[in-house]
N, C-alpha and C. Protein backbone atom coordinates (compact mmCIF):
# COMPACT_ATOMS: atom_id res chain seq x y z
N UNK A 1 100.06 79.32 60.68
CA UNK A 1 100.55 79.91 62.44
C UNK A 1 98.77 79.96 62.99
N UNK A 2 98.03 80.77 62.13
CA UNK A 2 96.27 80.65 62.81
C UNK A 2 96.00 79.33 63.73
N UNK A 3 96.39 78.34 62.68
CA UNK A 3 95.43 76.78 63.52
C UNK A 3 96.29 76.71 64.90
N UNK A 4 97.27 76.59 65.26
CA UNK A 4 97.99 76.13 66.42
C UNK A 4 96.80 77.20 67.57
N UNK A 5 97.02 77.95 67.35
CA UNK A 5 96.13 79.17 68.30
C UNK A 5 94.73 78.82 68.12
N UNK A 6 93.79 78.88 67.27
CA UNK A 6 92.61 78.84 67.28
C UNK A 6 92.61 77.27 68.06
N UNK A 7 93.49 76.09 68.07
CA UNK A 7 93.36 74.90 68.32
C UNK A 7 93.44 75.40 69.82
N UNK A 8 94.98 75.87 70.58
CA UNK A 8 94.98 76.40 71.08
C UNK A 8 93.31 76.68 72.44
N UNK A 9 93.17 77.94 71.98
CA UNK A 9 92.05 78.82 72.22
C UNK A 9 91.13 77.55 72.43
N UNK A 10 90.51 76.81 71.46
CA UNK A 10 89.59 76.26 71.30
C UNK A 10 89.50 74.92 73.06
N UNK A 11 90.66 74.41 72.61
CA UNK A 11 90.81 73.63 73.82
C UNK A 11 90.87 74.18 75.08
N UNK A 12 91.22 75.52 75.46
CA UNK A 12 91.59 76.30 76.65
C UNK A 12 89.99 76.14 76.92
N UNK A 13 89.33 76.66 76.02
CA UNK A 13 87.78 77.46 75.97
C UNK A 13 86.63 75.81 76.74
N UNK A 14 87.13 75.14 76.45
CA UNK A 14 86.71 73.70 76.76
C UNK A 14 86.97 73.43 77.80
N UNK A 15 88.14 73.52 78.51
CA UNK A 15 88.40 72.92 79.90
C UNK A 15 88.21 74.12 80.67
N UNK A 16 88.05 75.89 80.01
CA UNK A 16 87.23 76.42 81.55
C UNK A 16 86.00 76.20 81.23
N UNK A 17 85.31 76.24 80.18
CA UNK A 17 83.76 76.11 80.14
C UNK A 17 83.85 74.40 81.35
N UNK A 18 84.51 73.56 80.77
CA UNK A 18 84.20 72.14 81.78
C UNK A 18 84.66 72.83 83.28
N UNK A 19 85.53 73.23 83.40
CA UNK A 19 86.23 72.95 85.24
C UNK A 19 84.87 73.90 85.52
N UNK A 20 84.15 75.06 84.90
CA UNK A 20 83.48 75.78 86.23
C UNK A 20 81.97 75.34 86.31
N UNK A 21 81.78 74.60 84.79
CA UNK A 21 80.77 73.95 85.13
C UNK A 21 80.41 72.37 86.13
N UNK A 22 81.29 71.90 86.78
CA UNK A 22 82.43 70.93 87.13
C UNK A 22 82.33 71.77 89.15
N UNK A 23 82.90 72.83 89.19
CA UNK A 23 83.32 73.43 90.18
C UNK A 23 81.65 73.58 90.86
N UNK A 24 80.51 74.34 90.11
CA UNK A 24 79.44 74.41 90.13
C UNK A 24 78.33 73.46 90.48
N UNK A 25 78.83 71.84 90.18
CA UNK A 25 78.03 70.89 89.83
C UNK A 25 78.74 70.27 91.30
N UNK A 26 79.67 70.52 92.10
CA UNK A 26 80.04 69.79 93.36
C UNK A 26 81.09 70.86 94.36
N UNK A 27 79.40 72.41 94.01
CA UNK A 27 79.30 72.98 94.78
C UNK A 27 80.07 73.73 95.59
N UNK A 28 81.73 73.87 94.63
CA UNK A 28 82.83 74.43 95.09
C UNK A 28 82.88 76.37 94.63
N UNK A 29 81.65 76.43 93.99
CA UNK A 29 81.67 77.42 93.35
C UNK A 29 80.46 77.76 93.15
N UNK A 30 79.27 79.45 93.64
CA UNK A 30 78.16 79.29 93.57
C UNK A 30 77.94 79.91 92.03
N UNK A 31 77.00 79.27 91.35
CA UNK A 31 76.63 79.64 90.26
C UNK A 31 76.16 81.05 89.89
N UNK A 32 75.81 81.65 91.20
CA UNK A 32 76.13 83.46 90.45
C UNK A 32 77.19 84.13 91.48
N UNK A 33 78.09 83.79 91.29
CA UNK A 33 79.38 84.09 91.62
C UNK A 33 80.11 84.83 90.43
N UNK A 34 80.69 85.96 90.40
CA UNK A 34 81.30 86.11 89.47
C UNK A 34 82.56 85.82 88.45
N UNK A 35 83.31 84.96 89.52
CA UNK A 35 83.73 83.65 89.14
C UNK A 35 83.63 83.06 88.45
N UNK A 36 82.17 82.31 88.23
CA UNK A 36 81.39 81.31 87.29
C UNK A 36 80.94 81.97 85.91
N UNK A 37 80.70 83.34 86.15
CA UNK A 37 80.46 83.85 84.92
C UNK A 37 81.25 84.38 84.28
N UNK A 38 82.42 84.46 85.12
CA UNK A 38 83.96 85.12 83.90
C UNK A 38 84.02 84.13 82.97
N UNK A 39 84.23 82.81 83.96
CA UNK A 39 84.49 81.92 83.35
C UNK A 39 84.39 81.30 82.32
N UNK A 40 82.53 81.45 82.26
CA UNK A 40 81.90 81.09 81.14
C UNK A 40 82.50 82.37 80.16
N UNK A 41 82.30 83.13 80.06
CA UNK A 41 82.45 84.49 79.48
C UNK A 41 83.61 84.06 78.52
N UNK A 42 84.82 83.95 79.47
CA UNK A 42 86.14 83.85 78.74
C UNK A 42 85.97 82.64 77.63
N UNK A 43 85.44 80.77 78.60
CA UNK A 43 85.33 79.73 77.34
C UNK A 43 84.37 80.21 76.36
N UNK A 44 84.03 81.20 76.42
CA UNK A 44 83.06 80.71 75.47
C UNK A 44 83.16 82.39 73.88
N UNK A 45 84.24 83.13 74.65
CA UNK A 45 85.32 83.83 74.23
C UNK A 45 86.13 82.62 73.00
N UNK A 46 86.77 81.81 73.83
CA UNK A 46 88.14 81.13 73.43
C UNK A 46 87.02 80.04 72.47
N UNK A 47 85.73 79.72 72.48
CA UNK A 47 85.39 78.95 71.93
C UNK A 47 84.67 79.45 70.59
N UNK A 48 84.66 80.67 70.71
CA UNK A 48 83.91 81.45 69.20
C UNK A 48 84.84 81.80 68.13
N UNK A 49 86.40 81.71 68.71
CA UNK A 49 87.57 81.92 68.13
C UNK A 49 87.55 81.28 67.11
N UNK A 50 88.16 79.70 67.82
CA UNK A 50 87.81 77.88 67.96
C UNK A 50 86.73 78.17 66.20
N UNK A 51 85.45 78.17 66.83
CA UNK A 51 84.95 77.84 65.82
C UNK A 51 84.78 78.63 64.86
N UNK A 52 84.72 80.17 64.93
CA UNK A 52 84.83 80.65 63.37
C UNK A 52 85.81 80.27 62.98
N UNK A 53 87.43 80.08 63.13
CA UNK A 53 88.13 79.50 62.49
C UNK A 53 88.04 78.45 61.68
N UNK A 54 87.49 77.60 62.39
CA UNK A 54 86.85 76.64 61.55
C UNK A 54 85.47 76.54 60.59
N UNK A 55 84.72 77.52 60.90
CA UNK A 55 83.94 77.80 59.95
C UNK A 55 82.60 76.80 60.52
N UNK A 56 82.57 76.59 62.02
CA UNK A 56 81.29 75.88 63.04
C UNK A 56 79.92 76.66 62.96
N UNK A 57 79.78 77.72 62.60
CA UNK A 57 79.30 78.90 62.63
C UNK A 57 77.63 78.71 63.46
N UNK A 58 77.15 77.70 63.36
CA UNK A 58 75.74 77.23 64.51
C UNK A 58 76.89 77.13 66.17
N UNK A 59 77.76 76.59 65.91
CA UNK A 59 78.16 76.62 67.28
C UNK A 59 78.96 77.82 67.91
N UNK A 60 79.81 78.31 67.07
CA UNK A 60 79.97 79.85 66.97
C UNK A 60 78.33 80.79 67.86
N UNK A 61 77.76 80.73 67.33
CA UNK A 61 76.44 80.81 67.24
C UNK A 61 75.95 80.69 68.66
N UNK A 62 76.37 79.47 69.43
CA UNK A 62 75.47 79.19 70.80
C UNK A 62 76.59 80.12 71.82
N UNK A 63 78.05 79.66 71.54
CA UNK A 63 78.94 80.34 71.99
C UNK A 63 78.87 81.98 72.48
N UNK A 64 78.38 82.41 71.04
CA UNK A 64 78.18 84.11 71.36
C UNK A 64 76.13 84.24 72.19
N UNK A 65 75.80 83.23 72.30
CA UNK A 65 74.72 83.56 72.99
C UNK A 65 75.03 83.15 74.39
N UNK A 66 76.15 82.35 74.67
CA UNK A 66 76.38 81.95 75.85
C UNK A 66 76.78 83.00 76.51
N UNK A 67 77.84 83.48 75.69
CA UNK A 67 78.96 85.13 76.11
C UNK A 67 77.64 85.88 76.98
N UNK A 68 76.75 86.07 75.93
CA UNK A 68 75.66 87.36 76.62
C UNK A 68 74.97 86.96 77.53
N UNK A 69 74.65 86.08 77.89
CA UNK A 69 73.98 85.37 78.61
C UNK A 69 75.10 85.32 80.30
N UNK A 70 76.43 85.41 79.83
CA UNK A 70 77.32 85.33 80.88
C UNK A 70 77.47 86.54 81.30
N UNK A 71 77.43 87.49 80.34
CA UNK A 71 77.57 88.81 81.32
C UNK A 71 76.52 89.74 81.67
N UNK A 72 75.29 89.34 81.30
CA UNK A 72 74.14 90.16 81.82
C UNK A 72 74.11 89.24 82.91
N UNK A 73 74.59 87.65 83.48
CA UNK A 73 74.37 87.27 84.48
C UNK A 73 75.57 88.12 85.64
N UNK A 74 76.72 88.53 85.17
CA UNK A 74 77.64 89.28 86.08
C UNK A 74 77.70 90.56 86.39
N UNK A 75 76.56 90.85 84.74
CA UNK A 75 75.98 92.83 84.70
C UNK A 75 75.17 92.51 86.75
N UNK A 76 74.28 91.06 86.73
CA UNK A 76 73.12 91.26 87.35
C UNK A 76 73.75 91.00 89.10
N UNK A 77 74.84 89.94 89.40
CA UNK A 77 75.90 89.58 90.18
C UNK A 77 76.48 91.31 91.09
N UNK A 78 76.73 91.74 89.71
CA UNK A 78 77.45 93.27 90.30
C UNK A 78 76.20 94.04 90.73
N UNK A 79 74.95 94.50 90.34
CA UNK A 79 74.33 95.36 90.75
C UNK A 79 73.66 94.77 92.23
N UNK A 80 73.67 93.64 92.58
CA UNK A 80 72.65 92.96 93.68
C UNK A 80 74.17 93.32 94.53
N UNK A 81 75.43 93.00 93.94
CA UNK A 81 76.16 93.31 95.32
C UNK A 81 76.22 95.10 95.70
N UNK A 82 76.14 96.17 94.81
CA UNK A 82 76.13 97.29 94.37
C UNK A 82 75.06 97.80 95.72
N UNK A 83 73.48 97.17 95.09
CA UNK A 83 72.30 97.64 96.04
C UNK A 83 72.01 96.41 96.49
N UNK A 84 72.45 95.41 98.40
CA UNK A 84 72.43 94.28 98.57
C UNK A 84 70.62 93.97 99.01
N UNK A 85 70.16 95.48 99.20
CA UNK A 85 68.77 95.60 99.75
C UNK A 85 67.65 95.33 98.76
N UNK A 86 68.27 95.65 97.70
CA UNK A 86 67.42 95.64 96.34
C UNK A 86 67.57 93.85 96.56
N UNK A 87 68.28 92.94 96.59
CA UNK A 87 68.01 91.80 96.38
C UNK A 87 67.12 90.83 97.14
N UNK A 88 66.72 91.65 98.54
CA UNK A 88 66.07 90.88 99.13
C UNK A 88 64.62 91.00 98.93
N UNK A 89 64.22 92.19 97.60
CA UNK A 89 62.83 92.33 97.56
C UNK A 89 62.67 91.40 96.25
């Protein structure tokens, strides 16, 4: 029962990440937007589930780092929106 769920999450994660990358590349969304960082985090989480299920630990590691970067970038975006004058410095 877990295999179909792991596969579904893996494909969904890949599509989310590729869609976000495409949207940024074609300037549909900005790389510093919350939506972009959310998509990076969610896609990364889905891919971690898939790669851990299949014991692809190097890929799981890359995705854990990807999630950490997305979370840090999201926190930075939130901080800048809370204190917009700080972003000008």
